[in-house]
Amino acid sequence: MKYSILEDPRYKHIAEPKSILFQIFSFIFDLYANTVLTFYTPVKVIGRENIPKDKPFIFVSNHNSHMDIAILAYATRMGYEKFGFLAAKDYWFDNNFRRRFFKNLINLIPISRKPNPESLDLDDTMVLSKAFMDLGNNIIIFPEGSRGEPGKMQRFRKGAVKFSMGLDVPILPAAIIGADKAWPKGEKWMQSVPITVKILPKMDPPKSEKLSESAFNKYLSKLTKELETNITKAVKELEKDASSEIS
C-alpha cells in the first residue's frame, strides 16, 4: 500500500477536527483581535459580499504588517480557527517542541523551502492543504512572500495561484491599507490607526488537469500578474479615497 502523508504523525492533525484546547485558544484570540480591531485600530471592511459561501478559498492580500492575518480573519467574520497558513517545515515541524506546542495554537501547513532528502514535495503540501480545506477551512497566502517596507508592494510570487489551480479552489483577493502604519515591520507595539480592507471578487482557476504543462505555466503567469494588478489598483484607490477624506 502506498504511504500517505496524511498518515505521518507529524502532520495528521492537520486533517482532523480541532482539539478542545485549540478551540479555546481560538475563542480567546478572536475575542482579543475583535476588540483591538473594532476599537483600537478600527477596521472598515468593504466587499464582504464577495466572500464565497459555498466552498473554501485561498485568501490573498498585500502584506505590510504583523496584523494582516488577524485583519483578514476578522474581515470575514468566520473566526481565526477557520484559517490555515503555509509554514516552513524545517522551522515549525522538524522541531518537536514547536510542532507539539503550536499545533494547538495555529493552523500550520508544512512546506519545504530548501530541497534536501527530508523535504516534502509540493504534492505532499497540496495533499495536506486539501485535507485541511475539506474540513471547511481556508488558507491565507501572501504572494509577496514576506512583509515589505511600509507602503511598498513587492512583486508577487506564483505560489497562491499554483495552489488555487492545484486544489481547484478560488482565490479571494483583498487590499489592506493602514496596517503598515498601525503595526509596521520592525515595530514592537501597535498604534491607534484606522485600517481599511477591500475584498475583491473571487478569481476562479481553470481546470488544471485539462491543461498541458505549457498551458498551465501560461495561466500561472497570467493569473499571478492579474492578481498583482488587481490588488495594487485597489490599494491605490483606497489610499486616494483616504487622502480625499483627510483633505
C-alpha atoms as a PDB file:
ATOM      1  CA  MET A   1       0.000   0.000   0.000  1.00  0.00           C
ATOM      2  CA  LYS A   2       1.350   3.419  -0.928  1.00  0.00           C
ATOM      3  CA  TYR A   3       2.401   5.582   2.014  1.00  0.00           C
ATOM      4  CA  SER A   4       0.221   8.667   2.527  1.00  0.00           C
ATOM      5  CA  ILE A   5       1.496  11.906   4.011  1.00  0.00           C
ATOM      6  CA  LEU A   6      -1.770  12.009   5.964  1.00  0.00           C
ATOM      7  CA  GLU A   7      -0.568   9.023   7.995  1.00  0.00           C
ATOM      8  CA  ASP A   8       2.572  10.807   9.190  1.00  0.00           C
ATOM      9  CA  PRO A   9       2.186  11.573  12.930  1.00  0.00           C
ATOM     10  CA  ARG A  10       3.855  14.954  12.424  1.00  0.00           C
ATOM     11  CA  TYR A  11       1.105  16.144  10.101  1.00  0.00           C
ATOM     12  CA  LYS A  12      -2.040  14.042  10.516  1.00  0.00           C
ATOM     13  CA  HIS A  13      -3.614  16.540  12.960  1.00  0.00           C
ATOM     14  CA  ILE A  14      -3.947  18.956  10.003  1.00  0.00           C
ATOM     15  CA  ALA A  15      -6.679  16.754   8.527  1.00  0.00           C
ATOM     16  CA  GLU A  16      -8.507  16.207  11.839  1.00  0.00           C
ATOM     17  CA  PRO A  17     -11.112  18.280  13.699  1.00  0.00           C
ATOM     18  CA  LYS A  18      -9.509  20.703  16.118  1.00  0.00           C
ATOM     19  CA  SER A  19      -8.868  19.827  19.745  1.00  0.00           C
ATOM     20  CA  ILE A  20     -10.767  21.453  22.602  1.00  0.00           C
ATOM     21  CA  LEU A  21      -7.563  23.280  23.567  1.00  0.00           C
ATOM     22  CA  PHE A  22      -7.290  24.741  20.060  1.00  0.00           C
ATOM     23  CA  GLN A  23     -10.937  25.811  20.105  1.00  0.00           C
ATOM     24  CA  ILE A  24     -10.469  27.536  23.465  1.00  0.00           C
ATOM     25  CA  PHE A  25      -7.379  29.383  22.234  1.00  0.00           C
ATOM     26  CA  SER A  26      -9.179  30.404  19.025  1.00  0.00           C
ATOM     27  CA  PHE A  27     -12.072  31.811  21.052  1.00  0.00           C
ATOM     28  CA  ILE A  28      -9.691  33.855  23.229  1.00  0.00           C
ATOM     29  CA  PHE A  29      -7.718  35.091  20.215  1.00  0.00           C
ATOM     30  CA  ASP A  30     -10.894  36.073  18.344  1.00  0.00           C
ATOM     31  CA  LEU A  31     -12.149  37.971  21.403  1.00  0.00           C
ATOM     32  CA  TYR A  32      -8.849  39.844  21.722  1.00  0.00           C
ATOM     33  CA  ALA A  33      -8.477  40.526  17.979  1.00  0.00           C
ATOM     34  CA  ASN A  34     -12.081  41.637  17.573  1.00  0.00           C
ATOM     35  CA  THR A  35     -11.708  44.069  20.489  1.00  0.00           C
ATOM     36  CA  VAL A  36      -8.485  45.563  19.117  1.00  0.00           C
ATOM     37  CA  LEU A  37      -9.705  45.715  15.515  1.00  0.00           C
ATOM     38  CA  THR A  38     -13.039  47.242  16.499  1.00  0.00           C
ATOM     39  CA  PHE A  39     -11.934  49.878  18.993  1.00  0.00           C
ATOM     40  CA  TYR A  40      -8.158  50.497  18.954  1.00  0.00           C
ATOM     41  CA  THR A  41      -7.285  50.095  15.264  1.00  0.00           C
ATOM     42  CA  PRO A  42     -10.818  50.227  13.810  1.00  0.00           C
ATOM     43  CA  VAL A  43     -11.130  48.141  10.664  1.00  0.00           C
ATOM     44  CA  LYS A  44     -13.533  49.133   7.904  1.00  0.00           C
ATOM     45  CA  VAL A  45     -14.451  46.224   5.626  1.00  0.00           C
ATOM     46  CA  ILE A  46     -15.627  46.794   2.046  1.00  0.00           C
ATOM     47  CA  GLY A  47     -16.868  43.982  -0.210  1.00  0.00           C
ATOM     48  CA  ARG A  48     -17.768  41.363   2.372  1.00  0.00           C
ATOM     49  CA  GLU A  49     -20.458  40.159  -0.048  1.00  0.00           C
ATOM     50  CA  ASN A  50     -17.663  38.785  -2.271  1.00  0.00           C
ATOM     51  CA  ILE A  51     -16.723  36.087   0.253  1.00  0.00           C
ATOM     52  CA  PRO A  52     -17.601  32.623  -1.150  1.00  0.00           C
ATOM     53  CA  LYS A  53     -20.261  30.912   0.916  1.00  0.00           C
ATOM     54  CA  ASP A  54     -20.326  27.524  -0.779  1.00  0.00           C
ATOM     55  CA  LYS A  55     -16.676  26.385  -0.833  1.00  0.00           C
ATOM     56  CA  PRO A  56     -13.275  27.053   0.741  1.00  0.00           C
ATOM     57  CA  PHE A  57     -10.947  29.665  -0.730  1.00  0.00           C
ATOM     58  CA  ILE A  58      -7.391  30.966  -0.664  1.00  0.00           C
ATOM     59  CA  PHE A  59      -7.368  34.445   0.878  1.00  0.00           C
ATOM     60  CA  VAL A  60      -4.683  36.664  -0.651  1.00  0.00           C
ATOM     61  CA  SER A  61      -3.644  40.242   0.113  1.00  0.00           C
ATOM     62  CA  ASN A  62      -0.755  42.678   0.216  1.00  0.00           C
ATOM     63  CA  HIS A  63       1.451  42.198   3.290  1.00  0.00           C
ATOM     64  CA  ASN A  64       2.995  45.039   5.300  1.00  0.00           C
ATOM     65  CA  SER A  65       2.151  44.291   8.913  1.00  0.00           C
ATOM     66  CA  HIS A  66       2.188  41.791  11.778  1.00  0.00           C
ATOM     67  CA  MET A  67      -1.581  42.297  11.881  1.00  0.00           C
ATOM     68  CA  ASP A  68      -2.508  41.132   8.381  1.00  0.00           C
ATOM     69  CA  ILE A  69      -3.534  37.561   9.295  1.00  0.00           C
ATOM     70  CA  ALA A  70      -5.801  38.767  12.109  1.00  0.00           C
ATOM     71  CA  ILE A  71      -7.228  41.515   9.875  1.00  0.00           C
ATOM     72  CA  LEU A  72      -8.182  39.083   7.115  1.00  0.00           C
ATOM     73  CA  ALA A  73      -9.787  36.618   9.545  1.00  0.00           C
ATOM     74  CA  TYR A  74     -11.672  39.496  11.200  1.00  0.00           C
ATOM     75  CA  ALA A  75     -12.880  40.782   7.824  1.00  0.00           C
ATOM     76  CA  THR A  76     -14.646  37.501   7.027  1.00  0.00           C
ATOM     77  CA  ARG A  77     -16.373  37.102  10.435  1.00  0.00           C
ATOM     78  CA  MET A  78     -15.512  33.407  10.181  1.00  0.00           C
ATOM     79  CA  GLY A  79     -13.025  33.323  13.034  1.00  0.00           C
ATOM     80  CA  TYR A  80      -9.333  32.560  13.390  1.00  0.00           C
ATOM     81  CA  GLU A  81      -9.928  28.796  13.625  1.00  0.00           C
ATOM     82  CA  LYS A  82     -11.113  28.662  10.002  1.00  0.00           C
ATOM     83  CA  PHE A  83      -7.788  29.755   8.506  1.00  0.00           C
ATOM     84  CA  GLY A  84      -4.501  27.977   7.904  1.00  0.00           C
ATOM     85  CA  PHE A  85      -1.108  29.260   6.865  1.00  0.00           C
ATOM     86  CA  LEU A  86       1.784  27.715   4.956  1.00  0.00           C
ATOM     87  CA  ALA A  87       4.805  27.392   7.240  1.00  0.00           C
ATOM     88  CA  ALA A  88       8.422  26.334   6.772  1.00  0.00           C
ATOM     89  CA  LYS A  89       8.723  22.616   7.521  1.00  0.00           C
ATOM     90  CA  ASP A  90      12.319  22.839   8.758  1.00  0.00           C
ATOM     91  CA  TYR A  91      11.462  25.505  11.352  1.00  0.00           C
ATOM     92  CA  TRP A  92       7.955  24.618  12.529  1.00  0.00           C
ATOM     93  CA  PHE A  93       7.680  20.854  12.046  1.00  0.00           C
ATOM     94  CA  ASP A  94      11.172  19.385  12.348  1.00  0.00           C
ATOM     95  CA  ASN A  95      11.443  20.756  15.883  1.00  0.00           C
ATOM     96  CA  ASN A  96       9.399  18.520  18.220  1.00  0.00           C
ATOM     97  CA  PHE A  97       8.664  21.252  20.783  1.00  0.00           C
ATOM     98  CA  ARG A  98       7.461  23.808  18.231  1.00  0.00           C
ATOM     99  CA  ARG A  99       5.363  21.235  16.381  1.00  0.00           C
ATOM    100  CA  ARG A 100       3.594  19.927  19.503  1.00  0.00           C
ATOM    101  CA  PHE A 101       3.123  23.322  21.106  1.00  0.00           C
ATOM    102  CA  PHE A 102       1.926  25.304  18.121  1.00  0.00           C
ATOM    103  CA  LYS A 103      -0.433  22.658  16.728  1.00  0.00           C
ATOM    104  CA  ASN A 104      -2.846  23.744  19.466  1.00  0.00           C
ATOM    105  CA  LEU A 105      -2.417  27.454  18.721  1.00  0.00           C
ATOM    106  CA  ILE A 106      -2.339  27.948  14.949  1.00  0.00           C
ATOM    107  CA  ASN A 107      -3.244  26.001  11.803  1.00  0.00           C
ATOM    108  CA  LEU A 108       0.108  25.476  10.124  1.00  0.00           C
ATOM    109  CA  ILE A 109       0.606  23.520   6.889  1.00  0.00           C
ATOM    110  CA  PRO A 110       4.212  22.486   6.152  1.00  0.00           C
ATOM    111  CA  ILE A 111       6.033  23.499   3.019  1.00  0.00           C
ATOM    112  CA  SER A 112       9.710  22.905   2.261  1.00  0.00           C
ATOM    113  CA  ARG A 113      11.797  25.942   1.450  1.00  0.00           C
ATOM    114  CA  LYS A 114      15.116  24.133   0.932  1.00  0.00           C
ATOM    115  CA  PRO A 115      15.473  20.876  -1.033  1.00  0.00           C
ATOM    116  CA  ASN A 116      17.039  18.048   0.978  1.00  0.00           C
ATOM    117  CA  PRO A 117      16.363  14.301   1.493  1.00  0.00           C
ATOM    118  CA  GLU A 118      13.821  15.087   4.234  1.00  0.00           C
ATOM    119  CA  SER A 119      11.913  17.694   2.228  1.00  0.00           C
ATOM    120  CA  LEU A 120       8.229  17.438   1.442  1.00  0.00           C
ATOM    121  CA  ASP A 121       7.462  17.756  -2.221  1.00  0.00           C
ATOM    122  CA  LEU A 122       4.799  20.195  -3.360  1.00  0.00           C
ATOM    123  CA  ASP A 123       2.333  17.345  -3.933  1.00  0.00           C
ATOM    124  CA  ASP A 124       2.546  16.447  -0.216  1.00  0.00           C
ATOM    125  CA  THR A 125       1.807  20.034   0.788  1.00  0.00           C
ATOM    126  CA  MET A 126      -1.107  20.053  -1.661  1.00  0.00           C
ATOM    127  CA  VAL A 127      -2.500  16.825  -0.136  1.00  0.00           C
ATOM    128  CA  LEU A 128      -2.295  18.299   3.373  1.00  0.00           C
ATOM    129  CA  SER A 129      -3.849  21.568   2.193  1.00  0.00           C
ATOM    130  CA  LYS A 130      -6.733  19.746   0.517  1.00  0.00           C
ATOM    131  CA  ALA A 131      -7.382  17.649   3.623  1.00  0.00           C
ATOM    132  CA  PHE A 132      -7.425  20.819   5.731  1.00  0.00           C
ATOM    133  CA  MET A 133      -9.787  22.602   3.339  1.00  0.00           C
ATOM    134  CA  ASP A 134     -12.050  19.556   3.094  1.00  0.00           C
ATOM    135  CA  LEU A 135     -12.937  20.281   6.733  1.00  0.00           C
ATOM    136  CA  GLY A 136     -14.435  23.591   5.594  1.00  0.00           C
ATOM    137  CA  ASN A 137     -11.317  25.661   6.275  1.00  0.00           C
ATOM    138  CA  ASN A 138      -9.485  28.261   4.195  1.00  0.00           C
ATOM    139  CA  ILE A 139      -5.844  29.177   3.590  1.00  0.00           C
ATOM    140  CA  ILE A 140      -4.166  32.587   3.732  1.00  0.00           C
ATOM    141  CA  ILE A 141      -1.215  33.176   1.393  1.00  0.00           C
ATOM    142  CA  PHE A 142       0.739  36.401   0.965  1.00  0.00           C
ATOM    143  CA  PRO A 143       2.143  36.400  -2.597  1.00  0.00           C
ATOM    144  CA  GLU A 144       4.854  38.898  -1.675  1.00  0.00           C
ATOM    145  CA  GLY A 145       6.367  36.169   0.485  1.00  0.00           C
ATOM    146  CA  SER A 146       7.287  38.387   3.428  1.00  0.00           C
ATOM    147  CA  ARG A 147       6.358  41.727   4.917  1.00  0.00           C
ATOM    148  CA  GLY A 148       7.659  44.541   2.782  1.00  0.00           C
ATOM    149  CA  GLU A 149       8.555  48.066   3.780  1.00  0.00           C
ATOM    150  CA  PRO A 150       5.587  50.249   4.823  1.00  0.00           C
ATOM    151  CA  GLY A 151       3.642  51.456   1.808  1.00  0.00           C
ATOM    152  CA  LYS A 152       5.670  49.433  -0.711  1.00  0.00           C
ATOM    153  CA  MET A 153       4.399  46.357  -2.523  1.00  0.00           C
ATOM    154  CA  GLN A 154       6.812  43.653  -3.601  1.00  0.00           C
ATOM    155  CA  ARG A 155       6.497  41.601  -6.767  1.00  0.00           C
ATOM    156  CA  PHE A 156       4.011  38.747  -6.414  1.00  0.00           C
ATOM    157  CA  ARG A 157       5.236  35.164  -6.478  1.00  0.00           C
ATOM    158  CA  LYS A 158       3.242  32.412  -8.198  1.00  0.00           C
ATOM    159  CA  GLY A 159       2.530  30.202  -5.180  1.00  0.00           C
ATOM    160  CA  ALA A 160      -1.003  31.413  -4.433  1.00  0.00           C
ATOM    161  CA  VAL A 161      -2.182  30.826  -7.998  1.00  0.00           C
ATOM    162  CA  LYS A 162      -0.360  27.479  -8.153  1.00  0.00           C
ATOM    163  CA  PHE A 163      -2.234  26.301  -5.054  1.00  0.00           C
ATOM    164  CA  SER A 164      -5.524  27.649  -6.385  1.00  0.00           C
ATOM    165  CA  MET A 165      -5.100  25.720  -9.639  1.00  0.00           C
ATOM    166  CA  GLY A 166      -3.766  22.591  -7.948  1.00  0.00           C
ATOM    167  CA  LEU A 167      -6.547  22.458  -5.342  1.00  0.00           C
ATOM    168  CA  ASP A 168      -9.301  23.771  -7.649  1.00  0.00           C
ATOM    169  CA  VAL A 169     -10.397  26.454  -5.195  1.00  0.00           C
ATOM    170  CA  PRO A 170     -10.926  30.163  -5.863  1.00  0.00           C
ATOM    171  CA  ILE A 171      -8.617  32.951  -4.822  1.00  0.00           C
ATOM    172  CA  LEU A 172     -10.237  35.727  -2.788  1.00  0.00           C
ATOM    173  CA  PRO A 173      -8.113  38.863  -3.261  1.00  0.00           C
ATOM    174  CA  ALA A 174      -8.074  41.690  -0.736  1.00  0.00           C
ATOM    175  CA  ALA A 175      -6.363  45.054  -0.388  1.00  0.00           C
ATOM    176  CA  ILE A 176      -5.329  46.407   3.013  1.00  0.00           C
ATOM    177  CA  ILE A 177      -4.326  49.959   3.879  1.00  0.00           C
ATOM    178  CA  GLY A 178      -3.454  51.397   7.278  1.00  0.00           C
ATOM    179  CA  ALA A 179      -1.969  48.225   8.765  1.00  0.00           C
ATOM    180  CA  ASP A 180       1.511  49.333   7.672  1.00  0.00           C
ATOM    181  CA  LYS A 181       1.106  52.372   9.932  1.00  0.00           C
ATOM    182  CA  ALA A 182      -0.739  50.600  12.752  1.00  0.00           C
ATOM    183  CA  TRP A 183       1.941  47.931  13.210  1.00  0.00           C
ATOM    184  CA  PRO A 184       4.734  48.087  10.634  1.00  0.00           C
ATOM    185  CA  LYS A 185       7.643  45.748  10.225  1.00  0.00           C
ATOM    186  CA  GLY A 186      10.298  46.352  12.880  1.00  0.00           C
ATOM    187  CA  GLU A 187       7.964  47.951  15.444  1.00  0.00           C
ATOM    188  CA  LYS A 188       7.109  46.267  18.755  1.00  0.00           C
ATOM    189  CA  TRP A 189       3.802  47.983  19.502  1.00  0.00           C
ATOM    190  CA  MET A 190       0.608  48.805  17.653  1.00  0.00           C
ATOM    191  CA  GLN A 191      -0.507  52.380  17.039  1.00  0.00           C
ATOM    192  CA  SER A 192      -4.131  53.512  17.027  1.00  0.00           C
ATOM    193  CA  VAL A 193      -4.560  53.947  13.279  1.00  0.00           C
ATOM    194  CA  PRO A 194      -7.708  53.170  11.240  1.00  0.00           C
ATOM    195  CA  ILE A 195      -7.453  50.300   8.755  1.00  0.00           C
ATOM    196  CA  THR A 196      -9.463  49.557   5.622  1.00  0.00           C
ATOM    197  CA  VAL A 197      -9.849  46.184   3.925  1.00  0.00           C
ATOM    198  CA  LYS A 198     -11.414  45.854   0.499  1.00  0.00           C
ATOM    199  CA  ILE A 199     -12.392  42.316  -0.501  1.00  0.00           C
ATOM    200  CA  LEU A 200     -12.408  41.943  -4.273  1.00  0.00           C
ATOM    201  CA  PRO A 201     -14.420  39.482  -6.400  1.00  0.00           C
ATOM    202  CA  LYS A 202     -13.061  35.943  -6.307  1.00  0.00           C
ATOM    203  CA  MET A 203     -10.901  34.535  -9.087  1.00  0.00           C
ATOM    204  CA  ASP A 204     -11.816  31.008 -10.207  1.00  0.00           C
ATOM    205  CA  PRO A 205      -8.936  28.903 -11.552  1.00  0.00           C
ATOM    206  CA  PRO A 206      -9.054  26.984 -14.834  1.00  0.00           C
ATOM    207  CA  LYS A 207      -9.277  23.202 -14.588  1.00  0.00           C
ATOM    208  CA  SER A 208      -5.594  22.383 -14.336  1.00  0.00           C
ATOM    209  CA  GLU A 209      -5.962  18.662 -15.117  1.00  0.00           C
ATOM    210  CA  LYS A 210      -7.127  19.605 -18.614  1.00  0.00           C
ATOM    211  CA  LEU A 211      -4.090  21.781 -19.306  1.00  0.00           C
ATOM    212  CA  SER A 212      -0.788  20.865 -20.873  1.00  0.00           C
ATOM    213  CA  GLU A 213       2.353  21.840 -18.966  1.00  0.00           C
ATOM    214  CA  SER A 214       2.935  24.849 -21.193  1.00  0.00           C
ATOM    215  CA  ALA A 215      -0.697  25.977 -20.880  1.00  0.00           C
ATOM    216  CA  PHE A 216      -0.536  25.516 -17.097  1.00  0.00           C
ATOM    217  CA  ASN A 217       2.563  27.718 -16.866  1.00  0.00           C
ATOM    218  CA  LYS A 218       0.965  30.304 -19.129  1.00  0.00           C
ATOM    219  CA  TYR A 219      -2.117  30.537 -16.914  1.00  0.00           C
ATOM    220  CA  LEU A 220       0.086  30.590 -13.830  1.00  0.00           C
ATOM    221  CA  SER A 221       1.952  33.667 -15.020  1.00  0.00           C
ATOM    222  CA  LYS A 222      -1.166  35.368 -16.411  1.00  0.00           C
ATOM    223  CA  LEU A 223      -3.280  34.929 -13.273  1.00  0.00           C
ATOM    224  CA  THR A 224      -0.439  35.926 -10.946  1.00  0.00           C
ATOM    225  CA  LYS A 225       0.012  39.148 -12.898  1.00  0.00           C
ATOM    226  CA  GLU A 226      -3.741  39.754 -12.873  1.00  0.00           C
ATOM    227  CA  LEU A 227      -3.858  39.173  -9.127  1.00  0.00           C
ATOM    228  CA  GLU A 228      -0.991  41.606  -8.506  1.00  0.00           C
ATOM    229  CA  THR A 229      -2.567  44.225 -10.786  1.00  0.00           C
ATOM    230  CA  ASN A 230      -5.995  43.983  -9.134  1.00  0.00           C
ATOM    231  CA  ILE A 231      -4.662  44.258  -5.580  1.00  0.00           C
ATOM    232  CA  THR A 232      -2.238  47.063  -6.471  1.00  0.00           C
ATOM    233  CA  LYS A 233      -5.042  49.018  -8.128  1.00  0.00           C
ATOM    234  CA  ALA A 234      -7.365  48.514  -5.141  1.00  0.00           C
ATOM    235  CA  VAL A 235      -4.669  49.646  -2.691  1.00  0.00           C
ATOM    236  CA  LYS A 236      -4.072  52.828  -4.679  1.00  0.00           C
ATOM    237  CA  GLU A 237      -7.807  53.551  -4.867  1.00  0.00           C
ATOM    238  CA  LEU A 238      -8.201  53.092  -1.106  1.00  0.00           C
ATOM    239  CA  GLU A 239      -5.219  55.360  -0.442  1.00  0.00           C
ATOM    240  CA  LYS A 240      -6.660  58.011  -2.764  1.00  0.00           C
ATOM    241  CA  ASP A 241     -10.047  57.836  -1.027  1.00  0.00           C
ATOM    242  CA  ALA A 242      -8.374  58.071   2.392  1.00  0.00           C
ATOM    243  CA  SER A 243      -6.384  61.139   1.310  1.00  0.00           C
ATOM    244  CA  SER A 244      -9.550  62.801  -0.001  1.00  0.00           C
ATOM    245  CA  GLU A 245     -11.317  62.255   3.323  1.00  0.00           C
ATOM    246  CA  ILE A 246      -8.418  63.837   5.245  1.00  0.00           C
ATOM    247  CA  SER A 247      -8.240  66.872   2.952  1.00  0.00           C
END
